Amino acid sequence: MLLQLSIKNFAIFKDTIIDFNTGFSVITGESGAGKSVFITALSLINGERALKEYIRKGCEYSSVEAVYKVNKDTFDNLTSKYEIDIEDNLLVITRQIYSESNSICRVNGKIRNLSFLKEIASYLCDIHGQYENQTLLEPSSHQLIIDKMFYDKITPINTEYLEYLKEYDSVVNFILKNSGSEQQRSLRKDILSFQINEITESKIEQLDIDDLEKQRRILENSEKYINALKESIQSIEEGDSIEKIYLSSHILEKIRDMDEIVQISQSMMNSYYILKDNFSQLKDITEEFYFDEEQYNDIIMKLELFKKLSYKYGDTIDKIRQFRENAEKQLYEIENFDNIYKLKIERIEKLENILYEKAEQLNSIRISCALEFSKSVEENLHSLEMSDAIFNVNFNKSIKKNTLGHYDFQKKGIYDIEFFISANKGIDPLPLAKIASGGEISRVMLAIKCLITSKDDVDTYIFDEIDSGISGEAAVMTAIKLSSLAKEKQVICISHLPSIAAKADHHYLIFKNSQKDMTFADIRELNYDDRIKQLAILFDGNTISQEGITHAKNLLEKMKKSN
């Protein structure tokens, strides 16, 4: 769950820290107070791109930081899959935006990229806003909802289907790629043969490029190395340094009554023999070391050959080898095209039959799941003051053929899936996108969210404008549904409706402060008396009447008792 959100120098916010609670929290505030900015700040924590325009005017940077307490399943996922160090089950995500440099994202103190943040955010917080309502109008999202809701039932057969589809697409692509004219295959054969011969005859795969580079550097610096070796030997010989160690050790041998001196003498004598041997090796290397022009030219030639081939076939020996092996495979397939073509076509036909059968099995399972899903969505819609609503999932077979005359299977299967709804008696269900109003879309989304919550690991749900287009008893029932959802998840809802605000366990207010020539937004949790005032403002506007106060008290008590 979200424990705390800190916002600093972010748009209208100056320096705000908000502590959140479990259960159902609502955030209200007058238009322009900063509610949308609050959602934007949270979206950054979920991995949305940071813009420099978010930095508060006159500031060099802005930051948003969220502290989450993760449950056991989320802890296990994040620590094993993403190798995040988590102490006390706390996860801290920080986004910093700078005016003169790149923005920085940190997870528990370590810098991470946005794609990483988006992945882990899917375990932490689900932000639902108007955009998601619009997504619900896109039929392409409907299958994803069904598959997520019934993951355990659908995934096994869907996995089988996708595995066969991967092979099917591979075989089809091979045929499409190689079924050109004999002249085209002959030309391709010549190119492959040249490439294979060029790599093979070069013997490039036998070379150790790192070792050659090392030898090249030594030879190119041979004069400097020889001078250094001779200078080192001369320095030792002139000072007779090693022999002096021997002499010193020999003198110390006379002091036999002191164990410490005896040990030092023996150690010095051992060092003498080691240094003597090292000096001998140094002289041998110096005498043998010279610039071999023939060897140097051979190394340069091999490195130039590697450079030439690396441009064509890969920048490492392993990649060049892989290129050759792949070219040999393609050449074999061209040289044996007729036999391979026949086998591939036979495999396509067999896979086509398997895939069609698997696709139908997959669809049958989805239909079964969709019936259960539709019934549950309808029940939720009825509880949200859409008592006459009929909700179902429509399946329409949609499959075309490719240029080979075989089925062009898609990852989704062979059926299009779309949600249909009728909100009124006597009206046949039609596509959701064609008939649903804004308020109905919000309630359909809430009905679906309430079903999905038990199927995901996300602990925190943020709703922005879930109450769009609703009022009256529908607003009351929406508040009750949100409160019910909050028994399983942490729910934070931005709202302008008194009914929803009154039903919340915790009520926060976003408001504006003015100091001299500066205005900034802030947020605080309201006590009972302040809640009454804010509910009255939601009823009456900025002026608070006694009638509004009474109405607010009555509503607060009524919503506490409602289930």
Protein backbone atom coordinates (compact mmCIF):
# COMPACT_ATOMS: atom_id res chain seq x y z
CA MET A 1 0.00 0.00 0.00
CA LEU A 2 1.00 3.63 -0.50
CA LEU A 3 2.21 4.97 2.85
CA GLN A 4 3.50 8.39 1.87
CA LEU A 5 3.83 10.71 -1.10
CA SER A 6 6.25 13.65 -1.05
CA ILE A 7 6.01 16.35 -3.73
CA LYS A 8 8.56 19.17 -3.97
CA ASN A 9 8.78 22.06 -6.46
CA PHE A 10 6.35 20.21 -8.74
CA ALA A 11 4.05 22.51 -10.75
CA ILE A 12 1.78 24.24 -8.22
CA PHE A 13 3.08 22.14 -5.28
CA LYS A 14 5.93 23.64 -3.27
CA ASP A 15 6.80 21.15 -0.52
CA THR A 16 4.10 18.66 0.47
CA ILE A 17 4.18 15.36 2.36
CA ILE A 18 1.03 13.24 2.48
CA ASP A 19 0.62 10.23 4.75
CA PHE A 20 -1.99 7.76 3.54
CA ASN A 21 -3.99 5.11 5.37
CA THR A 22 -5.55 1.75 4.64
CA GLY A 23 -9.15 1.52 3.50
CA PHE A 24 -11.03 4.10 1.44
CA SER A 25 -9.59 7.62 1.11
CA VAL A 26 -11.10 10.47 -0.87
CA ILE A 27 -9.42 13.66 -2.08
CA THR A 28 -11.49 16.74 -2.84
CA GLY A 29 -10.66 20.32 -3.72
CA GLU A 30 -11.93 23.20 -5.75
CA SER A 31 -11.29 23.36 -9.48
CA GLY A 32 -7.67 24.27 -10.19
CA ALA A 33 -6.50 23.47 -6.66
CA GLY A 34 -4.08 20.81 -7.90
CA LYS A 35 -5.98 17.51 -8.06
CA SER A 36 -4.84 16.75 -11.62
CA VAL A 37 -1.25 17.70 -10.67
CA PHE A 38 -1.46 15.20 -7.80
CA ILE A 39 -2.41 12.45 -10.28
CA THR A 40 0.42 13.53 -12.62
CA ALA A 41 2.89 13.24 -9.74
CA LEU A 42 1.66 9.73 -8.97
CA SER A 43 1.91 8.84 -12.65
CA LEU A 44 5.62 9.68 -12.56
CA ILE A 45 6.03 7.10 -9.80
CA ASN A 46 4.29 4.63 -12.13
CA GLY A 47 6.87 5.27 -14.85
CA GLU A 48 5.40 8.06 -16.96
CA ARG A 49 7.90 10.34 -18.69
CA ALA A 50 9.05 13.41 -16.75
CA LEU A 51 8.88 16.83 -18.42
CA LYS A 52 10.97 19.83 -17.44
CA GLU A 53 7.76 21.88 -17.57
CA TYR A 54 6.74 20.15 -14.32
CA ILE A 55 9.47 22.05 -12.43
CA ARG A 56 7.95 24.86 -10.37
CA LYS A 57 8.77 28.31 -11.74
CA GLY A 58 12.00 29.69 -10.31
CA CYS A 59 13.28 26.28 -9.14
CA GLU A 60 16.18 24.25 -10.51
CA TYR A 61 14.61 20.86 -9.86
CA SER A 62 11.48 19.07 -8.69
CA SER A 63 11.04 15.71 -7.02
CA VAL A 64 8.30 13.18 -6.29
CA GLU A 65 8.86 10.34 -3.84
CA ALA A 66 6.52 7.50 -2.89
CA VAL A 67 6.92 5.05 -0.02
CA TYR A 68 5.14 1.72 -0.40
CA LYS A 69 4.71 -1.10 2.08
CA VAL A 70 4.61 -4.30 0.03
CA ASN A 71 2.76 -7.52 0.81
CA LYS A 72 4.45 -10.93 0.87
CA ASP A 73 3.61 -11.87 -2.74
CA THR A 74 4.85 -8.53 -4.05
CA PHE A 75 7.95 -8.77 -1.87
CA ASP A 76 8.74 -12.22 -3.29
CA ASN A 77 8.20 -11.05 -6.88
CA LEU A 78 10.30 -7.90 -6.58
CA THR A 79 13.20 -9.49 -4.70
CA SER A 80 13.45 -12.59 -6.91
CA LYS A 81 12.50 -11.29 -10.35
CA TYR A 82 14.03 -7.81 -10.11
CA GLU A 83 16.70 -8.35 -7.42
CA ILE A 84 15.59 -5.33 -5.40
CA ASP A 85 16.91 -5.04 -1.85
CA ILE A 86 13.89 -4.42 0.37
CA GLU A 87 14.12 -3.85 4.12
CA ASP A 88 11.11 -3.86 6.46
CA ASN A 89 8.91 -4.45 3.41
CA LEU A 90 9.36 -0.81 2.39
CA LEU A 91 9.95 0.32 -1.19
CA VAL A 92 10.94 3.92 -1.91
CA ILE A 93 10.62 5.27 -5.45
CA THR A 94 12.05 8.70 -6.25
CA ARG A 95 11.77 10.78 -9.43
CA GLN A 96 13.94 13.90 -9.71
CA ILE A 97 13.59 16.33 -12.61
CA TYR A 98 16.37 18.85 -13.30
CA SER A 99 16.14 21.93 -15.48
CA GLU A 100 19.73 21.65 -16.74
CA SER A 101 20.27 17.86 -16.85
CA ASN A 102 18.52 14.53 -17.29
CA SER A 103 15.91 13.36 -14.82
CA ILE A 104 16.81 10.57 -12.41
CA CYS A 105 14.76 7.64 -11.17
CA ARG A 106 15.74 5.71 -8.05
CA VAL A 107 14.29 2.57 -6.47
CA ASN A 108 15.47 2.07 -2.89
CA GLY A 109 18.38 4.36 -3.60
CA LYS A 110 19.58 2.68 -6.81
CA ILE A 111 19.30 4.46 -10.16
CA ARG A 112 16.93 2.63 -12.53
CA ASN A 113 15.47 3.31 -15.98
CA LEU A 114 11.82 4.03 -16.79
CA SER A 115 11.06 0.63 -18.30
CA PHE A 116 12.19 -0.97 -15.03
CA LEU A 117 9.99 1.40 -13.05
CA LYS A 118 6.95 0.67 -15.22
CA GLU A 119 7.41 -3.05 -14.67
CA ILE A 120 7.58 -2.90 -10.89
CA ALA A 121 4.80 -0.26 -10.72
CA SER A 122 2.41 -2.87 -12.13
CA TYR A 123 2.81 -4.68 -8.78
CA LEU A 124 2.24 -1.58 -6.67
CA CYS A 125 -0.39 0.85 -7.90
CA ASP A 126 -3.18 0.93 -10.48
CA ILE A 127 -4.16 4.46 -11.55
CA HIS A 128 -7.57 4.61 -13.18
CA GLY A 129 -8.53 7.80 -14.97
CA GLN A 130 -10.49 9.08 -17.92
CA TYR A 131 -7.93 7.57 -20.32
CA GLU A 132 -8.69 4.10 -19.03
CA ASN A 133 -12.39 4.75 -19.61
CA GLN A 134 -11.51 5.51 -23.21
CA THR A 135 -9.44 2.31 -23.38
CA LEU A 136 -12.52 0.37 -22.31
CA LEU A 137 -14.21 1.60 -25.50
CA GLU A 138 -11.54 -0.15 -27.60
CA PRO A 139 -12.55 -3.77 -28.36
CA SER A 140 -8.87 -4.79 -28.46
CA SER A 141 -8.74 -4.37 -24.67
CA HIS A 142 -11.72 -6.63 -23.99
CA GLN A 143 -9.94 -9.93 -24.62
CA LEU A 144 -7.09 -8.79 -22.37
CA ILE A 145 -9.56 -8.20 -19.54
CA ILE A 146 -11.11 -11.67 -19.94
CA ASP A 147 -7.69 -13.33 -20.13
CA LYS A 148 -6.47 -11.51 -17.02
CA MET A 149 -9.63 -12.26 -15.08
CA PHE A 150 -9.49 -15.99 -15.88
CA TYR A 151 -5.73 -16.35 -16.17
CA ASP A 152 -5.52 -19.84 -14.64
CA LYS A 153 -8.18 -21.30 -16.93
CA ILE A 154 -7.11 -19.63 -20.18
CA THR A 155 -3.31 -19.56 -19.92
CA PRO A 156 -2.56 -23.32 -20.38
CA ILE A 157 -4.39 -23.68 -23.72
CA ASN A 158 -3.34 -20.17 -24.79
CA THR A 159 0.32 -21.07 -24.16
CA GLU A 160 -0.03 -24.21 -26.30
CA TYR A 161 -1.70 -22.21 -29.06
CA LEU A 162 1.08 -19.57 -29.06
CA GLU A 163 3.83 -22.22 -29.15
CA TYR A 164 2.31 -23.86 -32.23
CA LEU A 165 1.72 -20.41 -33.75
CA LYS A 166 5.40 -19.53 -33.33
CA GLU A 167 6.45 -22.63 -35.31
CA TYR A 168 3.69 -22.08 -37.88
CA ASP A 169 4.77 -18.48 -38.52
CA SER A 170 8.40 -19.58 -38.80
CA VAL A 171 7.60 -22.23 -41.43
CA VAL A 172 5.28 -19.89 -43.35
CA ASN A 173 7.93 -17.15 -43.34
CA PHE A 174 10.50 -19.63 -44.67
CA ILE A 175 8.25 -20.53 -47.58
CA LEU A 176 7.41 -16.91 -48.35
CA LYS A 177 11.09 -15.93 -48.17
CA ASN A 178 12.41 -18.76 -50.35
CA SER A 179 9.60 -19.52 -52.76
CA GLY A 180 10.78 -17.06 -55.38
CA SER A 181 11.99 -18.00 -58.86
CA GLU A 182 14.79 -20.47 -59.54
CA GLN A 183 16.88 -17.52 -60.71
CA GLN A 184 16.41 -15.73 -57.37
CA ARG A 185 17.41 -18.84 -55.43
CA SER A 186 20.46 -19.31 -57.67
CA LEU A 187 21.54 -15.73 -57.02
CA ARG A 188 21.05 -16.18 -53.29
CA LYS A 189 23.04 -19.43 -53.45
CA ASP A 190 25.99 -17.64 -55.10
CA ILE A 191 25.97 -14.92 -52.45
CA LEU A 192 25.86 -17.41 -49.58
CA SER A 193 28.62 -19.56 -51.13
CA PHE A 194 30.87 -16.51 -51.49
CA GLN A 195 30.25 -15.45 -47.89
CA ILE A 196 30.92 -18.95 -46.52
CA ASN A 197 34.11 -19.33 -48.59
CA GLU A 198 35.39 -15.90 -47.63
CA ILE A 199 35.02 -16.65 -43.91
CA THR A 200 36.35 -20.23 -44.16
CA GLU A 201 39.38 -19.45 -46.32
CA SER A 202 40.35 -16.51 -44.13
CA LYS A 203 40.75 -18.88 -41.15
CA ILE A 204 39.58 -15.93 -39.11
CA GLU A 205 37.81 -18.19 -36.62
CA GLN A 206 41.17 -19.62 -35.52
CA LEU A 207 42.50 -16.24 -34.42
CA ASP A 208 42.59 -14.80 -30.92
CA ILE A 209 42.02 -11.11 -31.60
CA ASP A 210 42.73 -10.00 -28.03
CA ASP A 211 46.10 -11.78 -28.07
CA LEU A 212 46.97 -10.29 -31.47
CA GLU A 213 46.14 -6.80 -30.22
CA LYS A 214 48.37 -7.38 -27.20
CA GLN A 215 51.27 -8.55 -29.41
CA ARG A 216 50.80 -5.57 -31.71
CA ARG A 217 51.01 -3.13 -28.79
CA ILE A 218 54.20 -4.79 -27.50
CA LEU A 219 55.90 -4.72 -30.88
CA GLU A 220 54.88 -1.12 -31.57
CA ASN A 221 56.37 -0.12 -28.21
CA SER A 222 59.38 -2.46 -28.46
CA GLU A 223 61.97 0.32 -28.48
CA LYS A 224 60.52 1.89 -25.34
CA TYR A 225 60.30 -1.52 -23.63
CA ILE A 226 63.91 -2.47 -24.54
CA ASN A 227 65.23 0.83 -23.20
CA ALA A 228 63.29 0.36 -19.95
CA LEU A 229 64.64 -3.19 -19.54
CA LYS A 230 68.25 -2.10 -20.14
CA GLU A 231 67.89 0.85 -17.78
CA SER A 232 66.51 -1.44 -15.07
CA ILE A 233 69.40 -3.95 -15.48
CA GLN A 234 71.98 -1.15 -15.51
CA SER A 235 70.57 0.33 -12.32
CA ILE A 236 70.86 -3.02 -10.52
CA GLU A 237 74.35 -3.76 -11.86
CA GLU A 238 75.78 -0.33 -11.06
CA GLY A 239 74.61 -0.37 -7.47
CA ASP A 240 75.39 -4.06 -7.03
CA SER A 241 72.09 -4.04 -5.10
CA ILE A 242 71.40 -7.75 -5.04
CA GLU A 243 74.92 -8.72 -3.92
CA LYS A 244 74.70 -6.20 -1.11
CA ILE A 245 71.64 -7.99 0.23
CA TYR A 246 73.66 -11.23 0.24
CA LEU A 247 76.55 -9.52 2.04
CA SER A 248 74.26 -7.98 4.63
CA SER A 249 72.59 -11.33 5.32
CA HIS A 250 75.98 -13.03 5.64
CA ILE A 251 77.10 -10.44 8.23
CA LEU A 252 73.93 -10.97 10.28
CA GLU A 253 74.63 -14.70 10.49
CA LYS A 254 77.29 -13.89 13.10
CA ILE A 255 74.55 -12.89 15.55
CA ARG A 256 73.31 -16.39 16.37
CA ASP A 257 72.02 -15.74 19.89
CA MET A 258 69.06 -13.53 18.79
CA ASP A 259 66.26 -15.54 17.19
CA GLU A 260 64.71 -12.46 15.59
CA ILE A 261 67.98 -11.55 13.83
CA VAL A 262 68.46 -15.14 12.66
CA GLN A 263 64.98 -15.12 11.12
CA ILE A 264 65.65 -11.78 9.40
CA SER A 265 68.98 -13.08 8.08
CA GLN A 266 67.34 -16.20 6.64
CA SER A 267 64.54 -14.14 5.08
CA MET A 268 67.09 -11.79 3.46
CA MET A 269 69.04 -14.77 2.10
CA ASN A 270 65.85 -16.24 0.60
CA SER A 271 65.07 -12.85 -0.95
CA TYR A 272 68.57 -12.75 -2.38
CA TYR A 273 68.10 -16.04 -4.24
CA ILE A 274 64.66 -14.96 -5.51
CA LEU A 275 65.98 -11.60 -6.71
CA LYS A 276 69.02 -13.29 -8.26
CA ASP A 277 66.70 -15.56 -10.23
CA ASN A 278 64.46 -12.62 -11.23
CA PHE A 279 67.48 -10.64 -12.39
CA SER A 280 68.65 -13.59 -14.48
CA GLN A 281 65.21 -13.88 -16.11
CA LEU A 282 65.19 -10.12 -16.76
CA LYS A 283 68.53 -10.36 -18.59
CA ASP A 284 67.30 -13.34 -20.65
CA ILE A 285 64.17 -11.43 -21.72
CA THR A 286 66.26 -8.36 -22.62
CA GLU A 287 68.66 -10.40 -24.74
CA GLU A 288 65.81 -12.21 -26.54
CA PHE A 289 63.51 -9.20 -26.96
CA TYR A 290 63.71 -7.44 -30.31
CA PHE A 291 61.41 -5.96 -32.95
CA ASP A 292 60.42 -8.70 -35.43
CA GLU A 293 59.23 -6.86 -38.53
CA GLU A 294 57.97 -10.01 -40.23
CA GLN A 295 55.93 -10.98 -37.17
CA TYR A 296 54.59 -7.43 -36.85
CA ASN A 297 53.45 -7.32 -40.51
CA ASP A 298 51.73 -10.70 -40.10
CA ILE A 299 49.83 -9.46 -37.04
CA ILE A 300 48.77 -6.25 -38.81
CA MET A 301 47.57 -8.26 -41.81
CA LYS A 302 45.45 -10.54 -39.59
CA LEU A 303 43.94 -7.61 -37.70
CA GLU A 304 43.11 -5.81 -40.95
CA LEU A 305 41.45 -8.98 -42.21
CA PHE A 306 39.37 -9.18 -39.05
CA LYS A 307 38.43 -5.52 -39.41
CA LYS A 308 37.30 -6.11 -42.99
CA LEU A 309 35.23 -9.19 -42.17
CA SER A 310 33.76 -7.63 -39.02
CA TYR A 311 32.14 -4.91 -41.13
CA LYS A 312 30.32 -7.59 -43.12
CA TYR A 313 29.61 -10.40 -40.70
CA GLY A 314 29.84 -9.24 -37.09
CA ASP A 315 32.12 -7.37 -34.74
CA THR A 316 33.40 -10.46 -32.88
CA ILE A 317 34.79 -13.85 -33.90
CA ASP A 318 31.74 -15.54 -32.35
CA LYS A 319 29.36 -13.41 -34.43
CA ILE A 320 31.33 -14.15 -37.59
CA ARG A 321 31.15 -17.87 -36.76
CA GLN A 322 27.40 -17.62 -36.16
CA PHE A 323 26.99 -15.80 -39.49
CA ARG A 324 28.84 -18.60 -41.29
CA GLU A 325 26.80 -21.33 -39.60
CA ASN A 326 23.56 -19.56 -40.46
CA ALA A 327 24.69 -19.04 -44.06
CA GLU A 328 25.56 -22.75 -44.34
CA LYS A 329 22.08 -23.62 -43.06
CA GLN A 330 20.46 -21.32 -45.64
CA LEU A 331 22.66 -22.71 -48.40
CA TYR A 332 21.67 -26.25 -47.48
CA GLU A 333 18.00 -25.27 -47.58
CA ILE A 334 18.39 -23.72 -51.05
CA GLU A 335 20.36 -26.67 -52.42
CA ASN A 336 17.73 -29.05 -51.07
CA PHE A 337 14.82 -26.68 -51.64
CA ASP A 338 12.47 -29.07 -53.41
CA ASN A 339 12.60 -31.69 -50.66
CA ILE A 340 12.52 -29.11 -47.86
CA TYR A 341 9.69 -27.20 -49.54
CA LYS A 342 7.62 -30.37 -49.67
CA LEU A 343 8.30 -31.13 -45.99
CA LYS A 344 7.58 -27.54 -44.97
CA ILE A 345 4.25 -27.49 -46.80
CA GLU A 346 3.30 -30.78 -45.15
CA ARG A 347 4.23 -29.29 -41.78
CA ILE A 348 2.19 -26.16 -42.50
CA GLU A 349 -0.87 -28.24 -43.27
CA LYS A 350 -0.43 -30.28 -40.11
CA LEU A 351 0.16 -27.21 -37.94
CA GLU A 352 -2.77 -25.43 -39.55
CA ASN A 353 -5.13 -28.20 -38.44
CA ILE A 354 -3.63 -28.26 -34.93
CA LEU A 355 -3.81 -24.49 -34.60
CA TYR A 356 -7.40 -24.30 -35.79
CA GLU A 357 -8.38 -26.95 -33.25
CA LYS A 358 -6.44 -25.21 -30.46
CA ALA A 359 -7.97 -21.85 -31.41
CA GLU A 360 -11.47 -23.31 -31.14
CA GLN A 361 -10.62 -24.91 -27.79
CA LEU A 362 -9.24 -21.58 -26.60
CA ASN A 363 -12.38 -19.82 -27.72
CA SER A 364 -14.63 -22.37 -26.02
CA ILE A 365 -12.85 -21.72 -22.73
CA ARG A 366 -13.10 -17.97 -23.25
CA ILE A 367 -16.84 -18.27 -23.95
CA SER A 368 -17.32 -20.23 -20.75
CA CYS A 369 -15.32 -17.65 -18.81
CA ALA A 370 -17.16 -14.78 -20.54
CA LEU A 371 -20.53 -16.14 -19.38
CA GLU A 372 -19.34 -16.13 -15.79
CA PHE A 373 -17.75 -12.71 -16.30
CA SER A 374 -20.90 -11.20 -17.85
CA LYS A 375 -23.07 -12.45 -14.99
CA SER A 376 -20.73 -10.92 -12.39
CA VAL A 377 -20.47 -7.59 -14.26
CA GLU A 378 -24.28 -7.43 -14.54
CA GLU A 379 -24.65 -8.02 -10.79
CA ASN A 380 -22.22 -5.20 -10.08
CA LEU A 381 -23.96 -2.89 -12.55
CA HIS A 382 -27.34 -3.62 -10.94
CA SER A 383 -25.86 -2.62 -7.58
CA LEU A 384 -24.64 0.62 -9.20
CA GLU A 385 -28.13 1.80 -10.10
CA MET A 386 -28.16 0.22 -13.57
CA SER A 387 -30.87 -2.25 -12.61
CA ASP A 388 -31.93 -2.98 -16.19
CA ALA A 389 -28.45 -3.38 -17.57
CA ILE A 390 -27.67 -6.40 -19.72
CA PHE A 391 -23.99 -7.12 -20.27
CA ASN A 392 -22.54 -9.81 -22.48
CA VAL A 393 -19.42 -10.65 -24.44
CA ASN A 394 -19.74 -11.06 -28.19
CA PHE A 395 -17.52 -13.50 -30.14
CA ASN A 396 -17.11 -13.07 -33.88
CA LYS A 397 -14.93 -15.38 -35.98
CA SER A 398 -12.35 -13.35 -37.87
CA ILE A 399 -9.64 -15.14 -39.80
CA LYS A 400 -8.12 -14.48 -43.22
CA LYS A 401 -5.80 -16.43 -45.48
CA ASN A 402 -2.23 -15.58 -46.39
CA THR A 403 -0.71 -15.53 -49.88
CA LEU A 404 -0.02 -19.27 -49.64
CA GLY A 405 -3.72 -19.92 -49.24
CA HIS A 406 -3.38 -21.01 -45.62
CA TYR A 407 -4.90 -19.40 -42.52
CA ASP A 408 -3.23 -16.29 -41.18
CA PHE A 409 -3.56 -17.04 -37.47
CA GLN A 410 -3.25 -14.17 -34.99
CA LYS A 411 -1.93 -14.21 -31.42
CA LYS A 412 -5.37 -13.32 -30.09
CA GLY A 413 -6.90 -16.43 -31.70
CA ILE A 414 -9.45 -16.61 -34.50
CA TYR A 415 -12.26 -14.65 -32.83
CA ASP A 416 -12.77 -10.95 -32.16
CA ILE A 417 -14.09 -10.28 -28.66
CA GLU A 418 -16.19 -7.24 -27.78
CA PHE A 419 -18.27 -6.15 -24.82
CA PHE A 420 -21.95 -5.48 -25.53
CA ILE A 421 -24.33 -3.66 -23.20
CA SER A 422 -27.91 -2.52 -22.95
CA ALA A 423 -28.67 -0.01 -20.20
CA ASN A 424 -32.44 0.07 -20.71
CA LYS A 425 -35.30 -2.39 -20.99
CA GLY A 426 -36.38 -3.39 -24.48
CA ILE A 427 -33.06 -2.39 -26.07
CA ASP A 428 -30.88 -5.11 -27.52
CA PRO A 429 -27.27 -5.07 -26.34
CA LEU A 430 -24.96 -3.19 -28.70
CA PRO A 431 -21.19 -2.55 -28.66
CA LEU A 432 -20.17 -0.69 -25.51
CA ALA A 433 -18.44 2.04 -27.51
CA LYS A 434 -21.64 2.90 -29.40
CA ILE A 435 -24.18 3.43 -26.66
CA ALA A 436 -22.61 3.96 -23.23
CA SER A 437 -22.63 7.45 -21.68
CA GLY A 438 -19.73 8.81 -19.66
CA GLY A 439 -21.43 7.88 -16.38
CA GLU A 440 -22.24 4.40 -17.64
CA ILE A 441 -18.67 3.86 -18.80
CA SER A 442 -17.40 4.85 -15.33
CA ARG A 443 -19.73 2.36 -13.68
CA VAL A 444 -18.86 -0.43 -16.13
CA MET A 445 -15.18 0.14 -15.40
CA LEU A 446 -15.80 0.12 -11.65
CA ALA A 447 -17.85 -3.08 -12.00
CA ILE A 448 -14.96 -4.72 -13.86
CA LYS A 449 -12.32 -3.36 -11.46
CA CYS A 450 -14.16 -4.88 -8.52
CA LEU A 451 -13.92 -8.27 -10.22
CA ILE A 452 -10.28 -8.00 -11.23
CA THR A 453 -8.99 -6.96 -7.79
CA SER A 454 -9.01 -10.53 -6.50
CA LYS A 455 -6.91 -11.61 -9.49
CA ASP A 456 -3.98 -9.24 -9.18
CA ASP A 457 -1.27 -8.41 -6.65
CA VAL A 458 -1.75 -4.64 -6.73
CA ASP A 459 -2.52 -3.27 -3.26
CA THR A 460 -3.37 0.31 -4.21
CA TYR A 461 -6.08 1.57 -6.56
CA ILE A 462 -6.21 5.25 -7.52
CA PHE A 463 -9.44 6.47 -9.12
CA ASP A 464 -9.55 9.83 -10.87
CA GLU A 465 -13.02 10.98 -11.98
CA ILE A 466 -14.60 7.56 -11.47
CA ASP A 467 -17.73 9.54 -10.62
CA SER A 468 -17.78 11.35 -13.98
CA GLY A 469 -21.33 11.71 -15.30
CA ILE A 470 -23.14 10.22 -12.29
CA SER A 471 -25.20 11.72 -9.47
CA GLY A 472 -28.01 10.94 -7.05
CA GLU A 473 -28.54 7.33 -6.06
CA ALA A 474 -25.96 6.13 -8.63
CA ALA A 475 -23.34 8.20 -6.80
CA VAL A 476 -24.37 6.63 -3.48
CA MET A 477 -24.09 3.12 -4.88
CA THR A 478 -20.74 3.96 -6.47
CA ALA A 479 -19.49 5.14 -3.08
CA ILE A 480 -20.67 1.89 -1.46
CA LYS A 481 -18.95 -0.16 -4.17
CA LEU A 482 -15.69 1.77 -3.70
CA SER A 483 -15.93 1.24 0.04
CA SER A 484 -16.50 -2.48 -0.51
CA LEU A 485 -13.45 -2.62 -2.80
CA ALA A 486 -11.43 -0.90 -0.05
CA LYS A 487 -11.97 -3.88 2.25
CA GLU A 488 -9.51 -5.80 0.04
CA LYS A 489 -7.38 -2.98 -1.39
CA GLN A 490 -6.23 0.50 -0.51
CA VAL A 491 -8.51 2.82 -2.51
CA ILE A 492 -7.74 6.51 -3.10
CA CYS A 493 -10.36 8.41 -5.05
CA ILE A 494 -10.37 11.98 -6.33
CA SER A 495 -13.99 13.11 -6.37
CA HIS A 496 -16.31 16.08 -6.42
CA LEU A 497 -19.41 14.21 -5.18
CA PRO A 498 -20.58 14.58 -1.54
CA SER A 499 -21.85 11.00 -1.41
CA ILE A 500 -18.46 9.53 -2.27
CA ALA A 501 -16.59 11.94 0.02
CA ALA A 502 -18.92 11.08 2.92
CA LYS A 503 -18.46 7.33 2.49
CA ALA A 504 -14.66 7.48 2.69
CA ASP A 505 -12.76 6.37 5.78
CA HIS A 506 -10.36 9.29 5.32
CA HIS A 507 -10.97 12.65 3.67
CA TYR A 508 -8.10 14.76 2.27
CA LEU A 509 -8.37 18.30 0.95
CA ILE A 510 -6.17 19.84 -1.74
CA PHE A 511 -6.18 23.61 -1.34
CA LYS A 512 -4.27 26.70 -2.44
CA ASN A 513 -2.13 28.90 -0.21
CA SER A 514 -1.00 32.41 -1.08
CA GLN A 515 2.05 34.13 0.40
CA LYS A 516 2.95 37.57 -0.92
CA ASP A 517 3.24 37.09 -4.69
CA MET A 518 3.40 33.29 -4.56
CA THR A 519 0.62 30.70 -4.72
CA PHE A 520 1.13 27.01 -4.00
CA ALA A 521 -0.99 23.92 -3.41
CA ASP A 522 -1.00 21.78 -0.31
CA ILE A 523 -2.96 18.81 1.04
CA ARG A 524 -4.10 17.76 4.50
CA GLU A 525 -6.33 15.17 6.12
CA LEU A 526 -9.56 16.59 7.55
CA ASN A 527 -10.95 16.00 11.03
CA TYR A 528 -14.67 15.49 11.61
CA ASP A 529 -15.61 19.20 11.80
CA ASP A 530 -13.57 20.06 8.71
CA ARG A 531 -15.19 17.18 6.82
CA ILE A 532 -18.61 18.61 7.61
CA LYS A 533 -17.52 22.01 6.26
CA GLN A 534 -16.06 20.55 3.08
CA LEU A 535 -19.16 18.42 2.44
CA ALA A 536 -21.25 21.55 2.87
CA ILE A 537 -19.04 23.33 0.33
CA LEU A 538 -19.58 20.44 -2.11
CA PHE A 539 -23.33 21.03 -1.67
CA ASP A 540 -23.44 24.84 -1.64
CA GLY A 541 -20.25 26.04 -3.29
CA ASN A 542 -17.81 28.35 -1.52
CA THR A 543 -20.49 29.73 0.81
CA ILE A 544 -21.48 27.51 3.74
CA SER A 545 -25.09 27.65 4.94
CA GLN A 546 -26.58 26.14 8.09
CA GLU A 547 -28.75 24.06 5.83
CA GLY A 548 -25.63 22.77 4.07
CA ILE A 549 -24.01 21.92 7.44
CA THR A 550 -27.08 19.98 8.52
CA HIS A 551 -27.28 18.20 5.19
CA ALA A 552 -23.56 17.31 5.41
CA LYS A 553 -23.93 15.85 8.93
CA ASN A 554 -26.93 13.79 7.89
CA LEU A 555 -25.14 12.51 4.79
CA LEU A 556 -22.03 11.58 6.77
CA GLU A 557 -24.08 9.58 9.26
CA LYS A 558 -26.18 8.00 6.49
CA MET A 559 -23.13 6.88 4.49
CA LYS A 560 -21.50 5.40 7.61
CA LYS A 561 -24.51 3.11 8.06
CA SER A 562 -24.91 2.20 4.34
CA ASN A 563 -23.65 -1.10 2.99
